[in-house]
Amino acid sequence: PQAQVAPSGVLGHGGSQTRNCSDIGPTYAGTFSLTCNLGNLTVVGDCIIACDNTSSAVVLGQPAATISPTSTIPHGGTQTEDCSEARPGKYSGGAVTISCDMGSATMTAGQCIGAPCAA
């Protein structure tokens, strides 16, 4: 994802600033630098984004449903979610592993057990 960045104050020609990626948003990590050259701003750096509970939901098998991370997962990290807690009434058990890749959450392992039908 792209974000808008600007100097924290007036940046003179030839000047530069190093900023924390968390200035962009709370799920960003790393640093970037801003450099001014003849009124043109150049941004250099790599900000990585974590997955939070608003990240792309994870699509599961049968029955199909979604599970989002319950807490922030750093880029490259994983988290295990209990299916019955994440989607009560939909699943009666099982667990899935959610992996984060630059803010995109995907199910990488595990299985959820569908809830039984009421009599």
PDB file of N, CA and C in Angstrom:
ATOM      1  N   PRO A   1       0.821  -1.194   0.000  1.00  0.00           N
ATOM      2  CA  PRO A   1       0.000   0.000   0.000  1.00  0.00           C
ATOM      3  C   PRO A   1       0.861   1.253   0.000  1.00  0.00           C
ATOM      4  N   GLN A   2       0.386   2.272  -0.651  1.00  0.00           N
ATOM      5  CA  GLN A   2       1.102   3.541  -0.675  1.00  0.00           C
ATOM      6  C   GLN A   2       0.491   4.491   0.333  1.00  0.00           C
ATOM      7  N   ALA A   3       1.318   5.336   0.912  1.00  0.00           N
ATOM      8  CA  ALA A   3       0.869   6.312   1.892  1.00  0.00           C
ATOM      9  C   ALA A   3       1.424   7.678   1.511  1.00  0.00           C
ATOM     10  N   GLN A   4       0.745   8.735   1.937  1.00  0.00           N
ATOM     11  CA  GLN A   4       1.205  10.094   1.722  1.00  0.00           C
ATOM     12  C   GLN A   4       2.184  10.468   2.828  1.00  0.00           C
ATOM     13  N   VAL A   5       3.322  11.026   2.447  1.00  0.00           N
ATOM     14  CA  VAL A   5       4.299  11.480   3.430  1.00  0.00           C
ATOM     15  C   VAL A   5       4.698  12.911   3.103  1.00  0.00           C
ATOM     16  N   ALA A   6       5.067  13.652   4.136  1.00  0.00           N
ATOM     17  CA  ALA A   6       5.503  15.037   3.973  1.00  0.00           C
ATOM     18  C   ALA A   6       6.519  15.325   5.067  1.00  0.00           C
ATOM     19  N   PRO A   7       7.380  16.318   4.857  1.00  0.00           N
ATOM     20  CA  PRO A   7       8.323  16.689   5.911  1.00  0.00           C
ATOM     21  C   PRO A   7       7.572  17.148   7.158  1.00  0.00           C
ATOM     22  N   SER A   8       8.193  17.000   8.319  1.00  0.00           N
ATOM     23  CA  SER A   8       7.545  17.436   9.559  1.00  0.00           C
ATOM     24  C   SER A   8       7.581  18.960   9.699  1.00  0.00           C
ATOM     25  N   GLY A   9       8.326  19.614   8.849  1.00  0.00           N
ATOM     26  CA  GLY A   9       8.417  21.074   8.804  1.00  0.00           C
ATOM     27  C   GLY A   9       9.014  21.453   7.458  1.00  0.00           C
ATOM     28  N   VAL A  10       9.306  22.750   7.270  1.00  0.00           N
ATOM     29  CA  VAL A  10       9.908  23.182   6.010  1.00  0.00           C
ATOM     30  C   VAL A  10      11.270  22.514   5.854  1.00  0.00           C
ATOM     31  N   LEU A  11      11.491  21.951   4.691  1.00  0.00           N
ATOM     32  CA  LEU A  11      12.745  21.262   4.399  1.00  0.00           C
ATOM     33  C   LEU A  11      13.445  22.039   3.292  1.00  0.00           C
ATOM     34  N   GLY A  12      14.570  22.650   3.614  1.00  0.00           N
ATOM     35  CA  GLY A  12      15.301  23.464   2.646  1.00  0.00           C
ATOM     36  C   GLY A  12      15.966  22.619   1.571  1.00  0.00           C
ATOM     37  N   HIS A  13      16.339  23.281   0.467  1.00  0.00           N
ATOM     38  CA  HIS A  13      17.044  22.608  -0.622  1.00  0.00           C
ATOM     39  C   HIS A  13      18.296  21.916  -0.072  1.00  0.00           C
ATOM     40  N   GLY A  14      18.455  20.633  -0.412  1.00  0.00           N
ATOM     41  CA  GLY A  14      19.596  19.859   0.043  1.00  0.00           C
ATOM     42  C   GLY A  14      19.409  19.249   1.430  1.00  0.00           C
ATOM     43  N   GLY A  15      18.301  19.597   2.069  1.00  0.00           N
ATOM     44  CA  GLY A  15      18.046  19.080   3.412  1.00  0.00           C
ATOM     45  C   GLY A  15      17.415  17.696   3.373  1.00  0.00           C
ATOM     46  N   SER A  16      17.530  17.009   4.487  1.00  0.00           N
ATOM     47  CA  SER A  16      16.901  15.681   4.569  1.00  0.00           C
ATOM     48  C   SER A  16      16.408  15.432   5.983  1.00  0.00           C
ATOM     49  N   GLN A  17      15.476  14.528   6.092  1.00  0.00           N
ATOM     50  CA  GLN A  17      14.924  14.090   7.370  1.00  0.00           C
ATOM     51  C   GLN A  17      14.819  12.577   7.354  1.00  0.00           C
ATOM     52  N   THR A  18      15.093  11.959   8.486  1.00  0.00           N
ATOM     53  CA  THR A  18      14.830  10.534   8.646  1.00  0.00           C
ATOM     54  C   THR A  18      13.614  10.412   9.545  1.00  0.00           C
ATOM     55  N   ARG A  19      12.664   9.612   9.108  1.00  0.00           N
ATOM     56  CA  ARG A  19      11.399   9.468   9.844  1.00  0.00           C
ATOM     57  C   ARG A  19      11.119   8.011  10.126  1.00  0.00           C
ATOM     58  N   ASN A  20      10.350   7.765  11.163  1.00  0.00           N
ATOM     59  CA  ASN A  20       9.883   6.427  11.479  1.00  0.00           C
ATOM     60  C   ASN A  20       8.647   6.106  10.657  1.00  0.00           C
ATOM     61  N   CYS A  21       8.580   4.896  10.150  1.00  0.00           N
ATOM     62  CA  CYS A  21       7.416   4.480   9.367  1.00  0.00           C
ATOM     63  C   CYS A  21       6.143   4.492  10.207  1.00  0.00           C
ATOM     64  N   SER A  22       6.284   4.370  11.527  1.00  0.00           N
ATOM     65  CA  SER A  22       5.106   4.432  12.391  1.00  0.00           C
ATOM     66  C   SER A  22       4.425   5.795  12.325  1.00  0.00           C
ATOM     67  N   ASP A  23       5.121   6.831  11.782  1.00  0.00           N
ATOM     68  CA  ASP A  23       4.486   8.136  11.558  1.00  0.00           C
ATOM     69  C   ASP A  23       3.386   8.029  10.500  1.00  0.00           C
ATOM     70  N   ILE A  24       3.482   7.037   9.623  1.00  0.00           N
ATOM     71  CA  ILE A  24       2.469   6.819   8.583  1.00  0.00           C
ATOM     72  C   ILE A  24       1.230   6.191   9.194  1.00  0.00           C
ATOM     73  N   GLY A  25       1.444   5.220  10.090  1.00  0.00           N
ATOM     74  CA  GLY A  25       0.342   4.526  10.747  1.00  0.00           C
ATOM     75  C   GLY A  25       0.887   3.530  11.748  1.00  0.00           C
ATOM     76  N   PRO A  26       0.065   3.113  12.702  1.00  0.00           N
ATOM     77  CA  PRO A  26       0.546   2.261  13.787  1.00  0.00           C
ATOM     78  C   PRO A  26       0.976   0.860  13.358  1.00  0.00           C
ATOM     79  N   THR A  27       0.558   0.390  12.200  1.00  0.00           N
ATOM     80  CA  THR A  27       0.950  -0.956  11.772  1.00  0.00           C
ATOM     81  C   THR A  27       2.192  -0.954  10.881  1.00  0.00           C
ATOM     82  N   TYR A  28       2.807   0.218  10.660  1.00  0.00           N
ATOM     83  CA  TYR A  28       4.012   0.312   9.832  1.00  0.00           C
ATOM     84  C   TYR A  28       5.266   0.276  10.709  1.00  0.00           C
ATOM     85  N   ALA A  29       6.345  -0.347  10.204  1.00  0.00           N
ATOM     86  CA  ALA A  29       7.622  -0.410  10.911  1.00  0.00           C
ATOM     87  C   ALA A  29       8.746  -0.080   9.938  1.00  0.00           C
ATOM     88  N   GLY A  30       9.886   0.359  10.495  1.00  0.00           N
ATOM     89  CA  GLY A  30      11.043   0.708   9.679  1.00  0.00           C
ATOM     90  C   GLY A  30      11.275   2.206   9.670  1.00  0.00           C
ATOM     91  N   THR A  31      12.162   2.657   8.790  1.00  0.00           N
ATOM     92  CA  THR A  31      12.442   4.086   8.648  1.00  0.00           C
ATOM     93  C   THR A  31      12.504   4.461   7.164  1.00  0.00           C
ATOM     94  N   PHE A  32      12.346   5.749   6.913  1.00  0.00           N
ATOM     95  CA  PHE A  32      12.497   6.272   5.557  1.00  0.00           C
ATOM     96  C   PHE A  32      13.109   7.664   5.661  1.00  0.00           C
ATOM     97  N   SER A  33      13.694   8.132   4.556  1.00  0.00           N
ATOM     98  CA  SER A  33      14.265   9.478   4.559  1.00  0.00           C
ATOM     99  C   SER A  33      13.612  10.311   3.471  1.00  0.00           C
ATOM    100  N   LEU A  34      13.490  11.588   3.774  1.00  0.00           N
ATOM    101  CA  LEU A  34      12.961  12.582   2.831  1.00  0.00           C
ATOM    102  C   LEU A  34      14.100  13.524   2.486  1.00  0.00           C
ATOM    103  N   THR A  35      14.283  13.813   1.209  1.00  0.00           N
ATOM    104  CA  THR A  35      15.327  14.727   0.751  1.00  0.00           C
ATOM    105  C   THR A  35      14.702  15.739  -0.197  1.00  0.00           C
ATOM    106  N   CYS A  36      15.080  17.012  -0.024  1.00  0.00           N
ATOM    107  CA  CYS A  36      14.578  18.079  -0.891  1.00  0.00           C
ATOM    108  C   CYS A  36      15.674  18.494  -1.866  1.00  0.00           C
ATOM    109  N   ASN A  37      15.345  18.520  -3.169  1.00  0.00           N
ATOM    110  CA  ASN A  37      16.272  18.952  -4.200  1.00  0.00           C
ATOM    111  C   ASN A  37      15.511  19.840  -5.181  1.00  0.00           C
ATOM    112  N   LEU A  38      15.789  21.149  -5.132  1.00  0.00           N
ATOM    113  CA  LEU A  38      15.150  22.130  -6.011  1.00  0.00           C
ATOM    114  C   LEU A  38      13.623  22.043  -5.955  1.00  0.00           C
ATOM    115  N   GLY A  39      13.105  21.879  -4.736  1.00  0.00           N
ATOM    116  CA  GLY A  39      11.647  21.844  -4.543  1.00  0.00           C
ATOM    117  C   GLY A  39      11.001  20.491  -4.779  1.00  0.00           C
ATOM    118  N   ASN A  40      11.797  19.510  -5.173  1.00  0.00           N
ATOM    119  CA  ASN A  40      11.261  18.161  -5.381  1.00  0.00           C
ATOM    120  C   ASN A  40      11.614  17.278  -4.191  1.00  0.00           C
ATOM    121  N   LEU A  41      10.617  16.622  -3.633  1.00  0.00           N
ATOM    122  CA  LEU A  41      10.803  15.755  -2.477  1.00  0.00           C
ATOM    123  C   LEU A  41      11.030  14.324  -2.935  1.00  0.00           C
ATOM    124  N   THR A  42      12.103  13.708  -2.451  1.00  0.00           N
ATOM    125  CA  THR A  42      12.414  12.311  -2.755  1.00  0.00           C
ATOM    126  C   THR A  42      12.279  11.507  -1.472  1.00  0.00           C
ATOM    127  N   VAL A  43      11.603  10.363  -1.568  1.00  0.00           N
ATOM    128  CA  VAL A  43      11.414   9.475  -0.423  1.00  0.00           C
ATOM    129  C   VAL A  43      12.187   8.188  -0.688  1.00  0.00           C
ATOM    130  N   VAL A  44      13.033   7.789   0.260  1.00  0.00           N
ATOM    131  CA  VAL A  44      13.810   6.556   0.138  1.00  0.00           C
ATOM    132  C   VAL A  44      13.648   5.765   1.432  1.00  0.00           C
ATOM    133  N   GLY A  45      13.366   4.500   1.297  1.00  0.00           N
ATOM    134  CA  GLY A  45      13.250   3.639   2.460  1.00  0.00           C
ATOM    135  C   GLY A  45      12.219   2.547   2.213  1.00  0.00           C
ATOM    136  N   ASP A  46      12.191   1.626   3.127  1.00  0.00           N
ATOM    137  CA  ASP A  46      11.243   0.526   3.024  1.00  0.00           C
ATOM    138  C   ASP A  46      10.464   0.412   4.322  1.00  0.00           C
ATOM    139  N   CYS A  47       9.194   0.718   4.240  1.00  0.00           N
ATOM    140  CA  CYS A  47       8.311   0.527   5.380  1.00  0.00           C
ATOM    141  C   CYS A  47       7.590  -0.800   5.175  1.00  0.00           C
ATOM    142  N   ILE A  48       7.520  -1.574   6.234  1.00  0.00           N
ATOM    143  CA  ILE A  48       6.780  -2.826   6.155  1.00  0.00           C
ATOM    144  C   ILE A  48       5.515  -2.674   6.987  1.00  0.00           C
ATOM    145  N   ILE A  49       4.464  -3.359   6.561  1.00  0.00           N
ATOM    146  CA  ILE A  49       3.181  -3.235   7.239  1.00  0.00           C
ATOM    147  C   ILE A  49       2.788  -4.572   7.854  1.00  0.00           C
ATOM    148  N   ALA A  50       2.278  -4.493   9.066  1.00  0.00           N
ATOM    149  CA  ALA A  50       1.822  -5.676   9.780  1.00  0.00           C
ATOM    150  C   ALA A  50       0.360  -5.953   9.430  1.00  0.00           C
ATOM    151  N   CYS A  51      -0.146  -7.077   9.885  1.00  0.00           N
ATOM    152  CA  CYS A  51      -1.559  -7.438   9.718  1.00  0.00           C
ATOM    153  C   CYS A  51      -2.266  -7.211  11.045  1.00  0.00           C
ATOM    154  N   ASP A  52      -3.391  -6.524  11.012  1.00  0.00           N
ATOM    155  CA  ASP A  52      -4.191  -6.365  12.214  1.00  0.00           C
ATOM    156  C   ASP A  52      -5.593  -6.888  11.950  1.00  0.00           C
ATOM    157  N   ASN A  53      -6.523  -6.632  12.874  1.00  0.00           N
ATOM    158  CA  ASN A  53      -7.859  -7.196  12.719  1.00  0.00           C
ATOM    159  C   ASN A  53      -8.664  -6.559  11.592  1.00  0.00           C
ATOM    160  N   THR A  54      -8.092  -5.545  10.931  1.00  0.00           N
ATOM    161  CA  THR A  54      -8.749  -4.987   9.747  1.00  0.00           C
ATOM    162  C   THR A  54      -8.084  -5.472   8.467  1.00  0.00           C
ATOM    163  N   SER A  55      -7.069  -6.343   8.606  1.00  0.00           N
ATOM    164  CA  SER A  55      -6.372  -6.887   7.440  1.00  0.00           C
ATOM    165  C   SER A  55      -7.322  -7.758   6.631  1.00  0.00           C
ATOM    166  N   SER A  56      -6.892  -8.069   5.411  1.00  0.00           N
ATOM    167  CA  SER A  56      -7.671  -8.965   4.572  1.00  0.00           C
ATOM    168  C   SER A  56      -7.973 -10.229   5.354  1.00  0.00           C
ATOM    169  N   ALA A  57      -9.249 -10.589   5.385  1.00  0.00           N
ATOM    170  CA  ALA A  57      -9.669 -11.768   6.135  1.00  0.00           C
ATOM    171  C   ALA A  57      -9.168 -13.032   5.438  1.00  0.00           C
ATOM    172  N   VAL A  58      -9.080 -14.095   6.193  1.00  0.00           N
ATOM    173  CA  VAL A  58      -8.596 -15.367   5.694  1.00  0.00           C
ATOM    174  C   VAL A  58      -9.791 -16.220   5.287  1.00  0.00           C
ATOM    175  N   VAL A  59      -9.773 -16.738   4.080  1.00  0.00           N
ATOM    176  CA  VAL A  59     -10.860 -17.592   3.594  1.00  0.00           C
ATOM    177  C   VAL A  59     -10.533 -19.038   3.935  1.00  0.00           C
ATOM    178  N   LEU A  60     -11.458 -19.709   4.574  1.00  0.00           N
ATOM    179  CA  LEU A  60     -11.260 -21.090   4.994  1.00  0.00           C
ATOM    180  C   LEU A  60     -11.972 -22.041   4.048  1.00  0.00           C
ATOM    181  N   GLY A  61     -11.784 -23.342   4.274  1.00  0.00           N
ATOM    182  CA  GLY A  61     -12.412 -24.379   3.445  1.00  0.00           C
ATOM    183  C   GLY A  61     -13.890 -24.548   3.730  1.00  0.00           C
ATOM    184  N   GLN A  62     -14.358 -25.771   3.841  1.00  0.00           N
ATOM    185  CA  GLN A  62     -15.778 -26.064   4.018  1.00  0.00           C
ATOM    186  C   GLN A  62     -16.134 -26.153   5.490  1.00  0.00           C
ATOM    187  N   PRO A  63     -17.136 -25.470   5.997  1.00  0.00           N
ATOM    188  CA  PRO A  63     -17.855 -24.411   5.304  1.00  0.00           C
ATOM    189  C   PRO A  63     -17.003 -23.151   5.199  1.00  0.00           C
ATOM    190  N   ALA A  64     -17.195 -22.411   4.137  1.00  0.00           N
ATOM    191  CA  ALA A  64     -16.403 -21.206   3.896  1.00  0.00           C
ATOM    192  C   ALA A  64     -16.764 -20.126   4.908  1.00  0.00           C
ATOM    193  N   ALA A  65     -15.774 -19.433   5.405  1.00  0.00           N
ATOM    194  CA  ALA A  65     -15.961 -18.315   6.327  1.00  0.00           C
ATOM    195  C   ALA A  65     -14.672 -17.515   6.339  1.00  0.00           C
ATOM    196  N   THR A  66     -14.621 -16.499   7.135  1.00  0.00           N
ATOM    197  CA  THR A  66     -13.417 -15.683   7.240  1.00  0.00           C
ATOM    198  C   THR A  66     -12.988 -15.588   8.698  1.00  0.00           C
ATOM    199  N   ILE A  67     -11.697 -15.486   8.894  1.00  0.00           N
ATOM    200  CA  ILE A  67     -11.127 -15.239  10.214  1.00  0.00           C
ATOM    201  C   ILE A  67     -10.044 -14.186  10.035  1.00  0.00           C
ATOM    202  N   SER A  68     -10.135 -13.140  10.828  1.00  0.00           N
ATOM    203  CA  SER A  68      -9.110 -12.095  10.827  1.00  0.00           C
ATOM    204  C   SER A  68      -8.244 -12.260  12.062  1.00  0.00           C
ATOM    205  N   PRO A  69      -7.016 -11.769  12.028  1.00  0.00           N
ATOM    206  CA  PRO A  69      -6.161 -11.865  13.213  1.00  0.00           C
ATOM    207  C   PRO A  69      -6.800 -11.160  14.411  1.00  0.00           C
ATOM    208  N   THR A  70      -6.688 -11.751  15.599  1.00  0.00           N
ATOM    209  CA  THR A  70      -7.233 -11.122  16.800  1.00  0.00           C
ATOM    210  C   THR A  70      -6.259 -10.124  17.406  1.00  0.00           C
ATOM    211  N   SER A  71      -4.985 -10.210  17.032  1.00  0.00           N
ATOM    212  CA  SER A  71      -3.993  -9.233  17.459  1.00  0.00           C
ATOM    213  C   SER A  71      -3.035  -8.995  16.289  1.00  0.00           C
ATOM    214  N   THR A  72      -2.251  -7.959  16.375  1.00  0.00           N
ATOM    215  CA  THR A  72      -1.357  -7.589  15.281  1.00  0.00           C
ATOM    216  C   THR A  72      -0.293  -8.665  15.054  1.00  0.00           C
ATOM    217  N   ILE A  73      -0.109  -9.025  13.784  1.00  0.00           N
ATOM    218  CA  ILE A  73       0.932  -9.975  13.378  1.00  0.00           C
ATOM    219  C   ILE A  73       1.968  -9.179  12.586  1.00  0.00           C
ATOM    220  N   PRO A  74       3.240  -9.183  12.996  1.00  0.00           N
ATOM    221  CA  PRO A  74       4.245  -8.458  12.217  1.00  0.00           C
ATOM    222  C   PRO A  74       4.449  -9.108  10.850  1.00  0.00           C
ATOM    223  N   HIS A  75       4.907  -8.309   9.893  1.00  0.00           N
ATOM    224  CA  HIS A  75       5.219  -8.832   8.564  1.00  0.00           C
ATOM    225  C   HIS A  75       6.153 -10.027   8.711  1.00  0.00           C
ATOM    226  N   GLY A  76       5.828 -11.128   8.052  1.00  0.00           N
ATOM    227  CA  GLY A  76       6.631 -12.334   8.121  1.00  0.00           C
ATOM    228  C   GLY A  76       6.307 -13.227   9.304  1.00  0.00           C
ATOM    229  N   GLY A  77       5.410 -12.776  10.183  1.00  0.00           N
ATOM    230  CA  GLY A  77       5.062 -13.543  11.371  1.00  0.00           C
ATOM    231  C   GLY A  77       3.820 -14.405  11.166  1.00  0.00           C
ATOM    232  N   THR A  78       3.537 -15.230  12.167  1.00  0.00           N
ATOM    233  CA  THR A  78       2.359 -16.091  12.142  1.00  0.00           C
ATOM    234  C   THR A  78       1.631 -16.003  13.473  1.00  0.00           C
ATOM    235  N   GLN A  79       0.389 -16.425  13.450  1.00  0.00           N
ATOM    236  CA  GLN A  79      -0.443 -16.450  14.649  1.00  0.00           C
ATOM    237  C   GLN A  79      -1.426 -17.598  14.511  1.00  0.00           C
ATOM    238  N   THR A  80      -1.691 -18.321  15.591  1.00  0.00           N
ATOM    239  CA  THR A  80      -2.669 -19.405  15.567  1.00  0.00           C
ATOM    240  C   THR A  80      -3.981 -18.898  16.153  1.00  0.00           C
ATOM    241  N   GLU A  81      -5.063 -19.167  15.435  1.00  0.00           N
ATOM    242  CA  GLU A  81      -6.389 -18.754  15.875  1.00  0.00           C
ATOM    243  C   GLU A  81      -7.254 -19.979  16.136  1.00  0.00           C
ATOM    244  N   ASP A  82      -7.955 -19.984  17.259  1.00  0.00           N
ATOM    245  CA  ASP A  82      -8.920 -21.031  17.584  1.00  0.00           C
ATOM    246  C   ASP A  82     -10.195 -20.742  16.800  1.00  0.00           C
ATOM    247  N   CYS A  83     -10.617 -21.675  15.966  1.00  0.00           N
ATOM    248  CA  CYS A  83     -11.760 -21.461  15.078  1.00  0.00           C
ATOM    249  C   CYS A  83     -13.055 -21.185  15.828  1.00  0.00           C
ATOM    250  N   SER A  84     -13.306 -21.948  16.907  1.00  0.00           N
ATOM    251  CA  SER A  84     -14.571 -21.787  17.625  1.00  0.00           C
ATOM    252  C   SER A  84     -14.638 -20.450  18.363  1.00  0.00           C
ATOM    253  N   GLU A  85     -13.490 -19.890  18.742  1.00  0.00           N
ATOM    254  CA  GLU A  85     -13.485 -18.572  19.379  1.00  0.00           C
ATOM    255  C   GLU A  85     -13.597 -17.462  18.342  1.00  0.00           C
ATOM    256  N   ALA A  86     -12.964 -17.664  17.186  1.00  0.00           N
ATOM    257  CA  ALA A  86     -12.983 -16.635  16.137  1.00  0.00           C
ATOM    258  C   ALA A  86     -14.346 -16.542  15.464  1.00  0.00           C
ATOM    259  N   ARG A  87     -15.019 -17.669  15.302  1.00  0.00           N
ATOM    260  CA  ARG A  87     -16.331 -17.704  14.643  1.00  0.00           C
ATOM    261  C   ARG A  87     -17.281 -18.611  15.421  1.00  0.00           C
ATOM    262  N   PRO A  88     -17.717 -18.189  16.632  1.00  0.00           N
ATOM    263  CA  PRO A  88     -18.616 -19.036  17.410  1.00  0.00           C
ATOM    264  C   PRO A  88     -19.905 -19.310  16.653  1.00  0.00           C
ATOM    265  N   GLY A  89     -20.390 -20.534  16.757  1.00  0.00           N
ATOM    266  CA  GLY A  89     -21.607 -20.925  16.056  1.00  0.00           C
ATOM    267  C   GLY A  89     -21.340 -21.447  14.658  1.00  0.00           C
ATOM    268  N   LYS A  90     -20.280 -21.020  14.035  1.00  0.00           N
ATOM    269  CA  LYS A  90     -19.904 -21.473  12.695  1.00  0.00           C
ATOM    270  C   LYS A  90     -19.007 -22.697  12.799  1.00  0.00           C
ATOM    271  N   TYR A  91     -18.093 -22.667  13.787  1.00  0.00           N
ATOM    272  CA  TYR A  91     -17.146 -23.765  13.976  1.00  0.00           C
ATOM    273  C   TYR A  91     -17.221 -24.267  15.407  1.00  0.00           C
ATOM    274  N   SER A  92     -17.057 -25.587  15.573  1.00  0.00           N
ATOM    275  CA  SER A  92     -17.070 -26.172  16.912  1.00  0.00           C
ATOM    276  C   SER A  92     -15.665 -26.471  17.415  1.00  0.00           C
ATOM    277  N   GLY A  93     -14.658 -26.374  16.572  1.00  0.00           N
ATOM    278  CA  GLY A  93     -13.292 -26.632  16.986  1.00  0.00           C
ATOM    279  C   GLY A  93     -12.307 -26.456  15.855  1.00  0.00           C
ATOM    280  N   GLY A  94     -11.066 -26.837  16.153  1.00  0.00           N
ATOM    281  CA  GLY A  94      -9.998 -26.707  15.174  1.00  0.00           C
ATOM    282  C   GLY A  94      -9.246 -25.402  15.351  1.00  0.00           C
ATOM    283  N   ALA A  95      -8.139 -25.287  14.651  1.00  0.00           N
ATOM    284  CA  ALA A  95      -7.316 -24.086  14.705  1.00  0.00           C
ATOM    285  C   ALA A  95      -6.641 -23.887  13.356  1.00  0.00           C
ATOM    286  N   VAL A  96      -6.351 -22.632  13.044  1.00  0.00           N
ATOM    287  CA  VAL A  96      -5.652 -22.302  11.803  1.00  0.00           C
ATOM    288  C   VAL A  96      -4.475 -21.388  12.119  1.00  0.00           C
ATOM    289  N   THR A  97      -3.450 -21.471  11.284  1.00  0.00           N
ATOM    290  CA  THR A  97      -2.307 -20.569  11.380  1.00  0.00           C
ATOM    291  C   THR A  97      -2.476 -19.497  10.315  1.00  0.00           C
ATOM    292  N   ILE A  98      -2.371 -18.248  10.744  1.00  0.00           N
ATOM    293  CA  ILE A  98      -2.476 -17.107   9.838  1.00  0.00           C
ATOM    294  C   ILE A  98      -1.087 -16.508   9.688  1.00  0.00           C
ATOM    295  N   SER A  99      -0.661 -16.293   8.448  1.00  0.00           N
ATOM    296  CA  SER A  99       0.632 -15.675   8.150  1.00  0.00           C
ATOM    297  C   SER A  99       0.398 -14.277   7.601  1.00  0.00           C
ATOM    298  N   CYS A 100       1.352 -13.374   7.854  1.00  0.00           N
ATOM    299  CA  CYS A 100       1.245 -11.994   7.386  1.00  0.00           C
ATOM    300  C   CYS A 100       2.340 -11.699   6.370  1.00  0.00           C
ATOM    301  N   ASP A 101       1.940 -11.168   5.226  1.00  0.00           N
ATOM    302  CA  ASP A 101       2.885 -10.741   4.200  1.00  0.00           C
ATOM    303  C   ASP A 101       2.494  -9.338   3.755  1.00  0.00           C
ATOM    304  N   MET A 102       3.217  -8.347   4.250  1.00  0.00           N
ATOM    305  CA  MET A 102       2.985  -6.935   3.910  1.00  0.00           C
ATOM    306  C   MET A 102       1.516  -6.526   4.044  1.00  0.00           C
ATOM    307  N   GLY A 103       0.931  -6.847   5.188  1.00  0.00           N
ATOM    308  CA  GLY A 103      -0.430  -6.421   5.477  1.00  0.00           C
ATOM    309  C   GLY A 103      -1.509  -7.339   4.956  1.00  0.00           C
ATOM    310  N   SER A 104      -1.129  -8.405   4.280  1.00  0.00           N
ATOM    311  CA  SER A 104      -2.102  -9.358   3.749  1.00  0.00           C
ATOM    312  C   SER A 104      -2.060 -10.639   4.578  1.00  0.00           C
ATOM    313  N   ALA A 105      -3.201 -10.987   5.178  1.00  0.00           N
ATOM    314  CA  ALA A 105      -3.286 -12.179   6.020  1.00  0.00           C
ATOM    315  C   ALA A 105      -3.816 -13.353   5.206  1.00  0.00           C
ATOM    316  N   THR A 106      -3.137 -14.500   5.344  1.00  0.00           N
ATOM    317  CA  THR A 106      -3.592 -15.713   4.655  1.00  0.00           C
ATOM    318  C   THR A 106      -3.499 -16.902   5.601  1.00  0.00           C
ATOM    319  N   MET A 107      -4.402 -17.864   5.411  1.00  0.00           N
ATOM    320  CA  MET A 107      -4.353 -19.094   6.184  1.00  0.00           C
ATOM    321  C   MET A 107      -3.287 -19.984   5.563  1.00  0.00           C
ATOM    322  N   THR A 108      -2.321 -20.440   6.371  1.00  0.00           N
ATOM    323  CA  THR A 108      -1.237 -21.249   5.835  1.00  0.00           C
ATOM    324  C   THR A 108      -1.237 -22.676   6.363  1.00  0.00           C
ATOM    325  N   ALA A 109      -2.013 -22.957   7.406  1.00  0.00           N
ATOM    326  CA  ALA A 109      -2.066 -24.314   7.943  1.00  0.00           C
ATOM    327  C   ALA A 109      -3.295 -24.441   8.838  1.00  0.00           C
ATOM    328  N   GLY A 110      -3.697 -25.678   9.071  1.00  0.00           N
ATOM    329  CA  GLY A 110      -4.769 -25.957  10.008  1.00  0.00           C
ATOM    330  C   GLY A 110      -6.104 -26.227   9.331  1.00  0.00           C
ATOM    331  N   GLN A 111      -7.087 -26.461  10.176  1.00  0.00           N
ATOM    332  CA  GLN A 111      -8.426 -26.775   9.672  1.00  0.00           C
ATOM    333  C   GLN A 111      -9.451 -26.431  10.752  1.00  0.00           C
ATOM    334  N   CYS A 112     -10.587 -25.940  10.337  1.00  0.00           N
ATOM    335  CA  CYS A 112     -11.679 -25.671  11.251  1.00  0.00           C
ATOM    336  C   CYS A 112     -12.729 -26.769  11.109  1.00  0.00           C
ATOM    337  N   ILE A 113     -13.351 -27.117  12.232  1.00  0.00           N
ATOM    338  CA  ILE A 113     -14.399 -28.140  12.246  1.00  0.00           C
ATOM    339  C   ILE A 113     -15.740 -27.450  12.306  1.00  0.00           C
ATOM    340  N   GLY A 114     -16.588 -27.723  11.318  1.00  0.00           N
ATOM    341  CA  GLY A 114     -17.898 -27.085  11.242  1.00  0.00           C
ATOM    342  C   GLY A 114     -18.765 -27.448  12.431  1.00  0.00           C
ATOM    343  N   ALA A 115     -19.587 -26.482  12.863  1.00  0.00           N
ATOM    344  CA  ALA A 115     -20.509 -26.717  13.966  1.00  0.00           C
ATOM    345  C   ALA A 115     -21.617 -27.684  13.518  1.00  0.00           C
ATOM    346  N   PRO A 116     -22.114 -28.527  14.452  1.00  0.00           N
ATOM    347  CA  PRO A 116     -23.188 -29.450  14.087  1.00  0.00           C
ATOM    348  C   PRO A 116     -24.503 -28.710  13.900  1.00  0.00           C
ATOM    349  N   CYS A 117     -25.401 -29.310  13.173  1.00  0.00           N
ATOM    350  CA  CYS A 117     -26.726 -28.725  12.967  1.00  0.00           C
ATOM    351  C   CYS A 117     -27.605 -29.072  14.151  1.00  0.00           C
ATOM    352  N   ALA A 118     -28.412 -28.140  14.578  1.00  0.00           N
ATOM    353  CA  ALA A 118     -29.308 -28.349  15.709  1.00  0.00           C
ATOM    354  C   ALA A 118     -30.421 -29.322  15.320  1.00  0.00           C
ATOM    355  N   ALA A 119     -30.913 -30.065  16.312  1.00  0.00           N
ATOM    356  CA  ALA A 119     -31.994 -31.035  16.072  1.00  0.00           C
ATOM    357  C   ALA A 119     -33.318 -30.326  15.906  1.00  0.00           C
TER     358      ALA A 119
END
